[in-house]
Amino acid sequence: MQAYRSIMATMQARFITSDEELIALKEDWDRLTASRPETDMPFYSWDWFYRLWLHFGKPIGQELFIVAVYENEQLVGILPLVRGQGKSSRISYRILHFCAVGMMPRNTMYTDARQDQDAIFRAAWNHLFEHRSTWDMLEFSNVPDSSPFHRFVLEGKHDTKYALIQNQGFIAPFIELTGTLDDYLNSLSKGTRKDLRKHVKHFNESGLSRSVRFFEKPDEMLEGLKHLETVHNNSWKGTTGNPLHPEFYQEVTPVLAERNEAKVAIAFLDEVPIGAAYMLCKNGVYYGCIRDYDQKYRDHAPGILLLHYQLEHLLQEGGKIFDFCGTGSDHKDKFGTGHHNHSIFQIFHSGLKSRFVYSGKTFWLPLLRKLLRKPAPKDFIAKSKHF
């Protein structure tokens, strides 16, 4: 215990609140994320976060509120938060949360593998509660249940007065390839396997010119993204107003492609793009961020076709895991060999407004649902109070 306190005594935390400070963190940020396998992913990189901030955080008036932890002036931890606004019964309150959670398949705190991880977590936690006057609620969305940060938050061994709500986050399917593509296909249910092979055969025997092309080099990316945008605009997502955010992808993708961490796959039929997929990739894992298809070519099942060719490409590069990212669906689940579970944590301190928001979420809203005979949310897991 004495050794642990000594470690804590040498750690200092502070908020990073300006673009200039964020830019200065680039080298150390990427050093931290690369130091542990669970954070060595393209969407945890500085380049991804910086452009999320510029495109989705800053334009809507959010504020940078990154918690940076230092050990003897060396950066050892980053909790990449921004500050936004929430509203409850016409009362506004301040939320510290991860940036642009819809563009992040999962979130966590980044720590130096050479340091005591729990000590870094605790330094960040204590700093947040020492400065609780700057926020009314913390929201950590889609923290992997398998991560050390998830365990730290949930254990509740904190020397602070707080309350916590835990909800179910993404249940994200993935495919782990332990052999050949045929081995994987043979492991699927008979109906799924037959359906996949039927669509691949139909595509190859259509009598039309057809191809699946992977755009991987930096100078190819804008062409690949242009095809992706064309497909999206003709998809059910595009026609229902689900935005693609092309400016964000046009800016970040060539940068990631320089490190071979981004790919665009396009299925063509008679030179017309009918299906598109956007992937981040590193350490033998493909992260499927976007998969879209032109509604006019639905009978060709472009999404299933692209998955087949993505897996083929993944194996050719020596990879083993395709992560669907985001939440599951019947379509994704039938191809998955496992799932990544995530949690959403909402944390409150003992201040008056923070207590009010907590009581609204745990007492008044459930009471109102009961009076209106509305079902309780299915994603609720647990709550705990340590005020």
Protein backbone atom coordinates (compact mmCIF):
# COMPACT_ATOMS: atom_id res chain seq x y z
CA MET A 1 0.00 0.00 0.00
CA GLN A 2 2.85 2.37 0.82
CA ALA A 3 4.44 1.69 -2.59
CA TYR A 4 1.10 2.36 -4.27
CA ARG A 5 0.75 5.70 -2.46
CA SER A 6 4.28 6.62 -3.53
CA ILE A 7 3.36 5.99 -7.16
CA MET A 8 0.22 8.09 -6.78
CA ALA A 9 2.21 10.92 -5.18
CA THR A 10 4.41 11.27 -8.27
CA MET A 11 1.47 11.41 -10.69
CA GLN A 12 -0.13 14.68 -11.71
CA ALA A 13 -3.22 15.18 -13.87
CA ARG A 14 -4.47 18.22 -15.74
CA PHE A 15 -7.06 19.13 -18.35
CA ILE A 16 -6.12 19.71 -21.99
CA THR A 17 -8.55 22.36 -23.20
CA SER A 18 -7.02 24.02 -26.28
CA ASP A 19 -6.28 22.95 -29.84
CA GLU A 20 -2.66 23.98 -29.38
CA GLU A 21 -2.24 21.66 -26.39
CA LEU A 22 -3.96 18.83 -28.26
CA ILE A 23 -1.65 19.22 -31.28
CA ALA A 24 1.37 19.12 -28.96
CA LEU A 25 0.21 15.72 -27.62
CA LYS A 26 0.37 13.92 -30.99
CA GLU A 27 3.61 11.99 -30.55
CA ASP A 28 2.98 10.99 -26.93
CA TRP A 29 -0.67 10.14 -27.66
CA ASP A 30 0.28 7.60 -30.33
CA ARG A 31 3.06 6.24 -28.12
CA LEU A 32 0.51 5.49 -25.38
CA THR A 33 -2.09 3.85 -27.61
CA ALA A 34 0.56 1.68 -29.28
CA SER A 35 1.98 0.51 -25.95
CA ARG A 36 -0.93 -1.84 -25.15
CA PRO A 37 -2.64 -4.34 -27.52
CA GLU A 38 -6.14 -3.31 -26.35
CA THR A 39 -5.59 0.31 -27.45
CA ASP A 40 -3.36 -0.21 -30.51
CA MET A 41 -6.22 0.49 -32.93
CA PRO A 42 -6.58 3.14 -35.68
CA PHE A 43 -9.67 4.77 -34.15
CA TYR A 44 -7.73 5.37 -30.91
CA SER A 45 -5.01 7.25 -32.80
CA TRP A 46 -4.39 10.97 -32.43
CA ASP A 47 -5.20 11.52 -36.13
CA TRP A 48 -8.66 9.99 -35.74
CA PHE A 49 -9.49 11.88 -32.54
CA TYR A 50 -8.17 15.23 -33.78
CA ARG A 51 -10.38 15.11 -36.85
CA LEU A 52 -13.38 13.90 -34.83
CA TRP A 53 -12.89 16.98 -32.67
CA LEU A 54 -12.58 19.34 -35.65
CA HIS A 55 -15.60 17.92 -37.50
CA PHE A 56 -18.02 16.82 -34.75
CA GLY A 57 -17.05 18.40 -31.44
CA LYS A 58 -15.82 21.92 -32.00
CA PRO A 59 -18.47 22.95 -34.62
CA ILE A 60 -21.36 22.30 -32.18
CA GLY A 61 -19.81 24.28 -29.34
CA GLN A 62 -18.32 21.44 -27.31
CA GLU A 63 -15.12 22.04 -25.34
CA LEU A 64 -11.98 19.94 -25.12
CA PHE A 65 -11.68 18.41 -21.64
CA ILE A 66 -9.02 15.73 -22.07
CA VAL A 67 -7.58 14.40 -18.82
CA ALA A 68 -3.80 13.99 -19.20
CA VAL A 69 -1.88 12.13 -16.48
CA TYR A 70 1.86 12.68 -16.03
CA GLU A 71 4.50 10.75 -14.11
CA ASN A 72 7.57 12.94 -13.49
CA GLU A 73 6.61 15.17 -16.45
CA GLN A 74 6.18 12.11 -18.75
CA LEU A 75 2.69 11.60 -20.22
CA VAL A 76 1.39 8.22 -18.99
CA GLY A 77 -2.40 8.45 -19.41
CA ILE A 78 -5.07 10.06 -21.60
CA LEU A 79 -8.82 10.09 -21.01
CA PRO A 80 -10.07 11.75 -24.24
CA LEU A 81 -13.12 13.71 -23.10
CA VAL A 82 -15.05 16.74 -24.32
CA ARG A 83 -17.66 18.81 -22.50
CA GLY A 84 -21.17 19.13 -23.87
CA GLN A 85 -24.66 19.94 -22.61
CA GLY A 86 -27.58 17.78 -21.50
CA LYS A 87 -31.09 18.71 -20.45
CA SER A 88 -33.43 17.32 -17.79
CA SER A 89 -36.81 18.88 -16.97
CA ARG A 90 -35.74 22.10 -18.70
CA ILE A 91 -32.57 22.26 -16.60
CA SER A 92 -29.32 22.20 -18.54
CA TYR A 93 -26.36 20.31 -17.15
CA ARG A 94 -22.77 19.76 -18.22
CA ILE A 95 -21.56 16.36 -19.42
CA LEU A 96 -17.99 15.20 -19.86
CA HIS A 97 -18.06 12.42 -22.46
CA PHE A 98 -16.10 10.81 -25.28
CA CYS A 99 -16.09 12.76 -28.55
CA ALA A 100 -18.45 11.78 -31.39
CA VAL A 101 -19.43 8.41 -29.92
CA GLY A 102 -21.34 7.54 -33.10
CA MET A 103 -18.02 7.49 -34.96
CA MET A 104 -16.24 5.36 -32.34
CA PRO A 105 -16.96 1.62 -32.10
CA ARG A 106 -15.58 1.60 -28.54
CA ASN A 107 -13.88 3.89 -26.02
CA THR A 108 -11.46 3.64 -23.12
CA MET A 109 -8.59 5.38 -21.33
CA TYR A 110 -5.11 5.09 -22.83
CA THR A 111 -2.22 4.25 -20.50
CA ASP A 112 1.52 3.64 -20.72
CA ALA A 113 2.19 -0.11 -20.53
CA ARG A 114 5.33 0.54 -18.46
CA GLN A 115 3.34 2.14 -15.64
CA ASP A 116 0.88 0.97 -12.99
CA GLN A 117 -2.42 1.11 -14.87
CA ASP A 118 -4.71 1.38 -11.84
CA ALA A 119 -2.62 4.23 -10.46
CA ILE A 120 -3.11 6.12 -13.74
CA PHE A 121 -6.86 5.43 -13.71
CA ARG A 122 -7.09 6.64 -10.12
CA ALA A 123 -5.10 9.81 -10.83
CA ALA A 124 -7.54 10.70 -13.63
CA TRP A 125 -10.59 9.81 -11.50
CA ASN A 126 -9.37 11.88 -8.55
CA HIS A 127 -8.61 14.82 -10.83
CA LEU A 128 -12.15 14.72 -12.24
CA PHE A 129 -13.66 14.73 -8.75
CA GLU A 130 -11.31 17.42 -7.46
CA HIS A 131 -12.67 19.56 -10.32
CA ARG A 132 -16.29 18.39 -10.10
CA SER A 133 -17.41 22.03 -10.27
CA THR A 134 -16.69 21.79 -14.05
CA TRP A 135 -19.22 18.98 -14.72
CA ASP A 136 -22.51 17.50 -13.57
CA MET A 137 -22.30 14.07 -15.20
CA LEU A 138 -19.58 11.85 -16.65
CA GLU A 139 -20.65 9.58 -19.49
CA PHE A 140 -18.30 6.83 -20.65
CA SER A 141 -19.99 5.24 -23.67
CA ASN A 142 -19.22 1.79 -25.10
CA VAL A 143 -16.36 0.84 -22.82
CA PRO A 144 -15.40 -2.79 -23.62
CA ASP A 145 -16.49 -5.11 -20.81
CA SER A 146 -13.15 -6.89 -21.11
CA SER A 147 -11.07 -3.73 -20.60
CA PRO A 148 -9.17 -2.81 -17.41
CA PHE A 149 -10.85 0.63 -17.45
CA HIS A 150 -14.29 -1.06 -17.32
CA ARG A 151 -13.17 -3.10 -14.31
CA PHE A 152 -11.79 0.00 -12.57
CA VAL A 153 -14.99 2.01 -13.00
CA LEU A 154 -17.21 -0.87 -11.92
CA GLU A 155 -15.21 -2.01 -8.89
CA GLY A 156 -16.13 1.14 -7.03
CA LYS A 157 -12.94 1.30 -4.95
CA HIS A 158 -12.84 5.09 -5.07
CA ASP A 159 -12.24 7.58 -2.26
CA THR A 160 -14.96 9.87 -3.59
CA LYS A 161 -18.70 10.33 -3.12
CA TYR A 162 -20.41 9.35 -6.36
CA ALA A 163 -23.31 7.48 -7.96
CA LEU A 164 -23.19 5.30 -11.06
CA ILE A 165 -25.63 3.97 -13.64
CA GLN A 166 -24.55 1.14 -15.95
CA ASN A 167 -26.37 0.45 -19.21
CA GLN A 168 -25.72 -2.06 -21.97
CA GLY A 169 -23.71 -0.61 -24.83
CA PHE A 170 -22.87 -2.14 -28.20
CA ILE A 171 -22.98 -5.92 -28.55
CA ALA A 172 -20.60 -6.07 -31.51
CA PRO A 173 -20.15 -9.35 -33.43
CA PHE A 174 -16.81 -10.37 -34.88
CA ILE A 175 -15.46 -13.17 -37.06
CA GLU A 176 -12.34 -15.02 -35.97
CA LEU A 177 -10.72 -16.98 -38.79
CA THR A 178 -8.74 -19.91 -37.39
CA GLY A 179 -8.18 -21.64 -40.73
CA THR A 180 -9.01 -21.10 -44.40
CA LEU A 181 -12.00 -19.23 -45.80
CA ASP A 182 -13.60 -22.58 -46.66
CA ASP A 183 -13.12 -23.69 -43.05
CA TYR A 184 -15.02 -20.61 -41.90
CA LEU A 185 -17.78 -21.01 -44.49
CA ASN A 186 -18.24 -24.63 -43.50
CA SER A 187 -18.70 -23.56 -39.87
CA LEU A 188 -21.74 -21.43 -40.77
CA SER A 189 -25.27 -22.75 -40.65
CA LYS A 190 -26.32 -24.60 -43.78
CA GLY A 191 -28.77 -21.86 -44.79
CA THR A 192 -26.28 -19.01 -44.29
CA ARG A 193 -23.53 -20.87 -46.15
CA LYS A 194 -25.85 -21.70 -49.05
CA ASP A 195 -27.10 -18.11 -49.24
CA LEU A 196 -23.57 -16.67 -49.32
CA ARG A 197 -22.32 -19.04 -51.99
CA LYS A 198 -25.45 -18.48 -54.08
CA HIS A 199 -24.88 -14.71 -54.18
CA VAL A 200 -21.18 -15.05 -54.99
CA LYS A 201 -22.04 -17.43 -57.83
CA HIS A 202 -24.81 -15.14 -59.09
CA PHE A 203 -22.40 -12.19 -59.11
CA ASN A 204 -19.69 -14.12 -60.97
CA GLU A 205 -22.11 -15.61 -63.53
CA SER A 206 -24.21 -12.50 -64.11
CA GLY A 207 -22.93 -12.06 -67.68
CA LEU A 208 -22.04 -8.47 -66.82
CA SER A 209 -18.57 -7.11 -66.20
CA ARG A 210 -18.01 -7.31 -62.46
CA SER A 211 -15.18 -6.72 -60.02
CA VAL A 212 -14.38 -5.97 -56.39
CA ARG A 213 -11.59 -3.44 -56.01
CA PHE A 214 -9.69 -2.50 -52.88
CA PHE A 215 -8.43 1.09 -52.60
CA GLU A 216 -5.46 1.05 -50.24
CA LYS A 217 -2.81 3.56 -51.33
CA PRO A 218 -3.04 7.19 -50.19
CA ASP A 219 -3.35 8.50 -53.76
CA GLU A 220 -6.24 6.07 -54.44
CA MET A 221 -8.31 6.94 -51.41
CA LEU A 222 -10.21 9.94 -52.73
CA GLU A 223 -11.39 7.89 -55.72
CA GLY A 224 -12.49 5.07 -53.41
CA LEU A 225 -14.29 7.51 -51.11
CA LYS A 226 -16.05 9.09 -54.10
CA HIS A 227 -17.45 5.67 -55.04
CA LEU A 228 -18.41 5.11 -51.40
CA GLU A 229 -20.34 8.38 -51.36
CA THR A 230 -22.13 7.47 -54.62
CA VAL A 231 -23.23 4.13 -53.16
CA HIS A 232 -24.30 5.74 -49.89
CA ASN A 233 -26.44 8.35 -51.64
CA ASN A 234 -28.33 5.54 -53.40
CA SER A 235 -28.65 3.35 -50.30
CA TRP A 236 -31.51 3.20 -47.82
CA LYS A 237 -29.24 5.00 -45.34
CA GLY A 238 -28.61 7.87 -47.73
CA THR A 239 -32.25 8.22 -48.78
CA THR A 240 -33.43 8.31 -45.15
CA GLY A 241 -31.06 11.13 -44.23
CA ASN A 242 -28.35 9.12 -42.46
CA PRO A 243 -25.25 11.28 -43.14
CA LEU A 244 -21.94 9.85 -44.37
CA HIS A 245 -19.75 12.84 -43.34
CA PRO A 246 -17.53 12.70 -46.47
CA GLU A 247 -15.40 15.68 -45.42
CA PHE A 248 -14.24 13.83 -42.32
CA TYR A 249 -13.29 10.68 -44.23
CA GLN A 250 -11.63 12.62 -47.05
CA GLU A 251 -9.37 14.30 -44.49
CA VAL A 252 -8.47 11.39 -42.21
CA THR A 253 -8.34 8.44 -44.65
CA PRO A 254 -5.23 9.40 -46.71
CA VAL A 255 -3.36 9.97 -43.44
CA LEU A 256 -4.25 6.50 -42.14
CA ALA A 257 -3.54 4.96 -45.55
CA GLU A 258 0.05 6.19 -45.28
CA ARG A 259 0.34 3.67 -42.43
CA ASN A 260 -1.72 1.02 -44.24
CA GLU A 261 -4.49 1.43 -41.66
CA ALA A 262 -7.45 2.22 -43.94
CA LYS A 263 -9.04 0.52 -46.95
CA VAL A 264 -12.09 1.06 -49.14
CA ALA A 265 -13.65 -1.90 -50.96
CA ILE A 266 -16.05 -1.30 -53.88
CA ALA A 267 -18.13 -3.87 -55.79
CA PHE A 268 -18.73 -2.89 -59.43
CA LEU A 269 -21.28 -4.25 -61.90
CA ASP A 270 -20.86 -2.96 -65.45
CA GLU A 271 -18.52 -0.30 -64.01
CA VAL A 272 -21.31 0.94 -61.71
CA PRO A 273 -20.47 0.89 -57.97
CA ILE A 274 -23.19 -1.19 -56.29
CA GLY A 275 -21.66 -1.87 -52.87
CA ALA A 276 -19.05 -0.20 -50.67
CA ALA A 277 -17.17 -0.91 -47.47
CA TYR A 278 -14.83 1.23 -45.38
CA MET A 279 -12.37 -0.50 -43.06
CA LEU A 280 -9.72 0.43 -40.58
CA CYS A 281 -7.05 -2.23 -40.16
CA LYS A 282 -4.10 -2.97 -37.89
CA ASN A 283 -2.38 -5.97 -36.34
CA GLY A 284 -4.31 -8.51 -38.39
CA VAL A 285 -7.74 -7.07 -37.58
CA TYR A 286 -10.19 -5.44 -40.02
CA TYR A 287 -12.63 -3.01 -38.37
CA GLY A 288 -15.72 -2.73 -40.56
CA CYS A 289 -16.79 0.89 -40.07
CA ILE A 290 -19.15 1.24 -43.07
CA ARG A 291 -20.89 -1.22 -45.36
CA ASP A 292 -23.47 0.12 -47.83
CA TYR A 293 -25.19 -0.91 -51.04
CA ASP A 294 -27.20 0.67 -53.85
CA GLN A 295 -30.86 -0.25 -53.34
CA LYS A 296 -31.38 -0.84 -57.08
CA TYR A 297 -28.96 -3.80 -56.87
CA ARG A 298 -30.35 -5.35 -53.70
CA ASP A 299 -31.02 -8.68 -55.44
CA HIS A 300 -27.26 -9.07 -55.93
CA ALA A 301 -26.75 -8.82 -52.12
CA PRO A 302 -23.74 -6.44 -52.40
CA GLY A 303 -23.24 -6.40 -48.63
CA ILE A 304 -22.86 -10.18 -48.40
CA LEU A 305 -20.64 -10.18 -51.48
CA LEU A 306 -18.34 -7.57 -49.99
CA LEU A 307 -18.07 -9.48 -46.72
CA HIS A 308 -16.93 -12.57 -48.64
CA TYR A 309 -14.24 -10.61 -50.50
CA GLN A 310 -13.20 -8.69 -47.38
CA LEU A 311 -12.57 -11.97 -45.55
CA GLU A 312 -10.66 -13.31 -48.56
CA HIS A 313 -8.52 -10.15 -48.62
CA LEU A 314 -7.99 -10.30 -44.86
CA LEU A 315 -6.65 -13.86 -45.06
CA GLN A 316 -4.37 -12.97 -47.97
CA GLU A 317 -2.80 -10.29 -45.76
CA GLY A 318 -2.32 -12.75 -42.91
CA GLY A 319 -5.14 -11.33 -40.78
CA LYS A 320 -7.42 -13.35 -38.58
CA ILE A 321 -10.25 -11.15 -37.21
CA PHE A 322 -13.02 -9.15 -38.87
CA ASP A 323 -14.72 -6.86 -36.35
CA PHE A 324 -18.15 -5.65 -37.46
CA CYS A 325 -17.97 -2.77 -34.93
CA GLY A 326 -21.01 -0.94 -33.67
CA THR A 327 -24.10 -2.79 -32.58
CA GLY A 328 -25.16 -6.22 -33.76
CA SER A 329 -28.01 -7.19 -36.08
CA ASP A 330 -29.51 -10.44 -37.33
CA HIS A 331 -27.50 -10.03 -40.53
CA LYS A 332 -24.19 -9.56 -38.69
CA ASP A 333 -24.92 -12.09 -35.96
CA LYS A 334 -25.42 -14.99 -38.35
CA PHE A 335 -21.88 -14.50 -39.70
CA GLY A 336 -20.20 -13.78 -36.35
CA THR A 337 -18.18 -16.29 -34.34
CA GLY A 338 -18.31 -14.19 -31.15
CA HIS A 339 -19.28 -10.81 -29.66
CA HIS A 340 -17.59 -7.87 -27.95
CA ASN A 341 -19.80 -6.55 -25.13
CA HIS A 342 -19.67 -2.91 -24.04
CA SER A 343 -21.12 -0.80 -21.23
CA ILE A 344 -22.25 2.80 -20.90
CA PHE A 345 -21.43 4.39 -17.54
CA GLN A 346 -23.07 7.55 -16.22
CA ILE A 347 -21.37 8.93 -13.12
CA PHE A 348 -22.57 11.67 -10.75
CA HIS A 349 -21.01 13.56 -7.82
CA SER A 350 -22.57 14.88 -4.64
CA GLY A 351 -23.32 18.37 -5.96
CA LEU A 352 -26.93 19.55 -6.03
CA LYS A 353 -27.42 19.59 -9.82
CA SER A 354 -25.60 16.30 -10.29
CA ARG A 355 -27.80 14.66 -7.63
CA PHE A 356 -30.87 16.11 -9.35
CA VAL A 357 -29.91 14.57 -12.70
CA TYR A 358 -29.21 11.22 -11.03
CA SER A 359 -32.57 11.21 -9.21
CA GLY A 360 -34.32 12.12 -12.46
CA LYS A 361 -32.79 9.16 -14.24
CA THR A 362 -33.22 6.63 -11.43
CA PHE A 363 -36.48 7.72 -9.75
CA TRP A 364 -38.61 10.27 -11.60
CA LEU A 365 -38.28 8.87 -15.14
CA PRO A 366 -38.97 5.26 -14.01
CA LEU A 367 -41.98 6.53 -12.03
CA LEU A 368 -43.30 8.40 -15.07
CA ARG A 369 -42.87 5.30 -17.26
CA LYS A 370 -44.77 3.26 -14.70
CA LEU A 371 -47.64 5.76 -14.59
CA LEU A 372 -47.79 5.82 -18.40
CA ARG A 373 -47.47 2.00 -18.49
CA LYS A 374 -44.39 2.16 -20.65
CA PRO A 375 -41.80 -0.62 -20.45
CA ALA A 376 -38.47 -0.02 -18.74
CA PRO A 377 -35.43 0.33 -21.04
CA LYS A 378 -33.97 -3.06 -21.90
CA ASP A 379 -30.39 -1.78 -21.79
CA PHE A 380 -30.38 -0.95 -18.05
CA ILE A 381 -27.95 -3.13 -16.06
CA ALA A 382 -27.38 -1.65 -12.61
CA LYS A 383 -27.11 1.43 -10.44
CA SER A 384 -25.13 2.17 -7.29
CA LYS A 385 -24.89 5.17 -4.98
CA HIS A 386 -21.98 6.16 -2.75
CA PHE A 387 -23.00 9.70 -1.72
